[in-house]
Amino acid sequence: MITDDVYEETMIHLSHIQILDRFDKVCQSRIENDYLVPDTIRLQYLFFVANVASKSAITKESQFYFQCMIELLNKSTLFVTFNKTILQRARKRKSLKNIDERRYLYVSENALMELLDLCEPLEDDKIQQLLEKTQYTEFYHLRVKLLEKKEDYVTCLQLLVDGMK
């Protein structure tokens, strides 16, 4: 029989940052150009970073969050679909009927905007890289925020006006 004392002695205590570091090490490990972990698992990790870890007191270097954003934007359709599925399950479980049908898109975009704040400071080339990744997504608010950082207010205004149509 294992007592609480023995359990406490054998249990390794990891901080949240240590857990995230271990997940990162496993999920981002590569052999040449291929990841060791299948995309489905790796993407679940990135979704976790965007939806949970970025909202916590865990702090990592800005490059970490930038790389997460790049990968999530590369797989933006899967990221949005993931959040849509989570919200649909929550709606069924809690019998919620008054949730906006497109809330999953807001959740996805807000998670990316929080990651963007954690990427600061951003150089112009990184802002441009993120802008290019958002070009064919529905993340208009993220695009506007990036254009503001780039101080491209004319394009920013055009995007806002187009979004109101």
Protein backbone atom coordinates (compact mmCIF):
# COMPACT_ATOMS: atom_id res chain seq x y z
CA MET A 1 0.00 0.00 0.00
CA ILE A 2 1.30 3.44 -0.94
CA THR A 3 0.86 6.02 1.75
CA ASP A 4 0.56 9.74 1.14
CA ASP A 5 4.10 10.25 2.45
CA VAL A 6 5.62 7.77 -0.02
CA TYR A 7 3.53 9.20 -2.85
CA GLU A 8 4.75 12.72 -2.07
CA GLU A 9 8.36 11.53 -2.02
CA THR A 10 8.15 9.73 -5.37
CA MET A 11 6.04 12.34 -7.14
CA ILE A 12 8.06 14.79 -9.21
CA HIS A 13 6.74 18.31 -8.81
CA LEU A 14 6.93 20.41 -11.94
CA SER A 15 6.01 24.02 -12.27
CA HIS A 16 3.65 25.09 -15.05
CA ILE A 17 6.56 26.48 -17.03
CA GLN A 18 8.45 23.18 -16.69
CA ILE A 19 5.41 21.25 -17.92
CA LEU A 20 5.05 23.60 -20.88
CA ASP A 21 8.78 23.27 -21.63
CA ARG A 22 8.50 19.48 -21.67
CA PHE A 23 5.46 19.57 -23.94
CA ASP A 24 7.29 21.99 -26.21
CA LYS A 25 10.38 19.82 -26.34
CA VAL A 26 8.34 16.75 -27.32
CA CYS A 27 5.87 18.42 -29.68
CA GLN A 28 8.41 20.54 -31.52
CA SER A 29 11.16 17.89 -31.82
CA ARG A 30 12.36 17.31 -35.37
CA ILE A 31 14.43 14.90 -37.39
CA GLU A 32 15.65 16.84 -40.38
CA ASN A 33 12.52 18.63 -41.66
CA ASP A 34 9.92 16.32 -40.11
CA TYR A 35 8.38 16.54 -36.67
CA LEU A 36 8.71 13.46 -34.48
CA VAL A 37 5.17 13.88 -33.18
CA PRO A 38 2.22 13.56 -35.57
CA ASP A 39 0.60 16.84 -36.66
CA THR A 40 -2.60 16.04 -34.79
CA ILE A 41 -0.78 15.92 -31.45
CA ARG A 42 1.51 18.84 -32.24
CA LEU A 43 -1.44 21.00 -33.26
CA GLN A 44 -3.30 20.09 -30.06
CA TYR A 45 -0.29 21.43 -28.18
CA LEU A 46 -0.34 24.68 -30.19
CA PHE A 47 -4.10 25.02 -29.60
CA PHE A 48 -3.40 24.57 -25.88
CA VAL A 49 -0.75 27.30 -25.94
CA ALA A 50 -3.11 29.68 -27.75
CA ASN A 51 -6.25 28.93 -25.76
CA VAL A 52 -4.86 28.29 -22.28
CA ALA A 53 -1.17 28.91 -21.70
CA SER A 54 -1.18 32.39 -23.25
CA LYS A 55 -3.82 33.48 -20.70
CA SER A 56 -1.94 32.18 -17.67
CA ALA A 57 0.89 33.56 -15.61
CA ILE A 58 3.35 31.42 -17.59
CA THR A 59 5.85 33.59 -19.37
CA LYS A 60 8.16 32.47 -22.13
CA GLU A 61 10.32 34.38 -24.57
CA SER A 62 8.52 36.35 -27.27
CA GLN A 63 10.02 34.18 -30.05
CA PHE A 64 8.18 31.15 -28.62
CA TYR A 65 4.81 32.92 -28.95
CA PHE A 66 5.72 34.25 -32.39
CA GLN A 67 6.49 30.73 -33.65
CA CYS A 68 3.21 29.46 -32.20
CA MET A 69 1.36 32.23 -34.04
CA ILE A 70 3.07 31.42 -37.33
CA GLU A 71 2.17 27.75 -37.04
CA LEU A 72 -1.41 28.47 -35.98
CA LEU A 73 -1.86 30.87 -38.89
CA ASN A 74 -0.42 28.26 -41.24
CA LYS A 75 -3.07 25.86 -39.92
CA SER A 76 -5.74 28.50 -39.27
CA THR A 77 -8.57 26.40 -40.70
CA LEU A 78 -7.78 23.56 -38.30
CA PHE A 79 -7.43 26.01 -35.40
CA VAL A 80 -10.84 27.56 -36.10
CA THR A 81 -12.41 24.11 -36.58
CA PHE A 82 -10.93 22.95 -33.27
CA ASN A 83 -12.45 25.90 -31.40
CA LYS A 84 -15.75 25.40 -33.21
CA THR A 85 -15.86 21.76 -32.09
CA ILE A 86 -15.03 22.69 -28.48
CA LEU A 87 -17.80 25.32 -28.39
CA GLN A 88 -20.32 22.94 -29.99
CA ARG A 89 -19.55 20.32 -27.34
CA ALA A 90 -19.90 22.91 -24.57
CA ARG A 91 -23.19 24.09 -26.03
CA LYS A 92 -24.57 20.53 -26.08
CA ARG A 93 -23.31 19.72 -22.59
CA LYS A 94 -24.73 22.87 -21.03
CA SER A 95 -27.77 23.17 -23.31
CA LEU A 96 -26.69 26.67 -24.32
CA LYS A 97 -28.72 28.03 -27.18
CA ASN A 98 -27.98 31.74 -27.05
CA ILE A 99 -24.35 31.52 -28.12
CA ASP A 100 -23.42 33.37 -31.30
CA GLU A 101 -22.92 30.85 -34.10
CA ARG A 102 -19.58 32.43 -35.04
CA ARG A 103 -18.23 32.69 -31.51
CA TYR A 104 -15.60 30.05 -32.35
CA LEU A 105 -14.07 32.55 -34.78
CA TYR A 106 -13.93 35.25 -32.09
CA VAL A 107 -12.35 32.79 -29.64
CA SER A 108 -9.71 31.80 -32.21
CA GLU A 109 -8.93 35.39 -33.17
CA ASN A 110 -8.78 36.60 -29.56
CA ALA A 111 -6.38 33.78 -28.68
CA LEU A 112 -4.12 34.90 -31.54
CA MET A 113 -4.37 38.54 -30.45
CA GLU A 114 -3.29 37.55 -26.93
CA LEU A 115 -0.35 35.66 -28.44
CA LEU A 116 0.49 38.76 -30.46
CA ASP A 117 0.70 40.83 -27.27
CA LEU A 118 3.12 38.24 -25.86
CA CYS A 119 5.30 38.56 -28.99
CA GLU A 120 6.16 42.18 -28.22
CA PRO A 121 8.36 43.85 -29.22
CA LEU A 122 7.93 42.93 -32.88
CA GLU A 123 10.23 44.09 -35.65
CA ASP A 124 8.73 45.21 -38.97
CA ASP A 125 9.78 42.04 -40.78
CA LYS A 126 7.93 39.87 -38.24
CA ILE A 127 4.84 42.08 -38.48
CA GLN A 128 4.97 41.70 -42.26
CA GLN A 129 5.34 37.94 -41.93
CA LEU A 130 2.24 37.76 -39.71
CA LEU A 131 0.32 40.05 -42.07
CA GLU A 132 1.07 37.73 -44.97
CA LYS A 133 -0.16 34.76 -42.95
CA THR A 134 -3.46 36.53 -42.12
CA GLN A 135 -4.16 37.56 -45.71
CA TYR A 136 -6.44 34.63 -46.53
CA THR A 137 -7.98 34.15 -43.09
CA GLU A 138 -11.09 35.56 -41.44
CA PHE A 139 -8.99 37.20 -38.71
CA TYR A 140 -9.81 40.79 -39.68
CA HIS A 141 -9.30 42.29 -36.22
CA LEU A 142 -5.88 40.65 -35.98
CA ARG A 143 -5.00 42.00 -39.40
CA VAL A 144 -6.15 45.50 -38.36
CA LYS A 145 -4.03 45.30 -35.20
CA LEU A 146 -1.00 44.26 -37.24
CA LEU A 147 -1.58 47.10 -39.71
CA GLU A 148 -1.77 49.54 -36.79
CA LYS A 149 1.58 48.26 -35.52
CA LYS A 150 2.97 48.80 -38.99
CA GLU A 151 1.39 52.28 -38.99
CA ASP A 152 -0.38 51.54 -42.27
CA TYR A 153 -3.51 53.44 -41.31
CA VAL A 154 -4.93 53.78 -44.84
CA THR A 155 -5.02 50.01 -45.39
CA CYS A 156 -6.25 49.60 -41.83
CA LEU A 157 -9.19 51.95 -42.49
CA GLN A 158 -9.99 50.23 -45.80
CA LEU A 159 -10.09 46.87 -44.05
CA LEU A 160 -12.40 48.23 -41.35
CA VAL A 161 -14.75 49.75 -43.94
CA ASP A 162 -14.77 46.53 -45.99
CA GLY A 163 -15.54 44.58 -42.82
CA MET A 164 -18.64 46.67 -42.19
CA LYS A 165 -20.18 45.83 -45.55
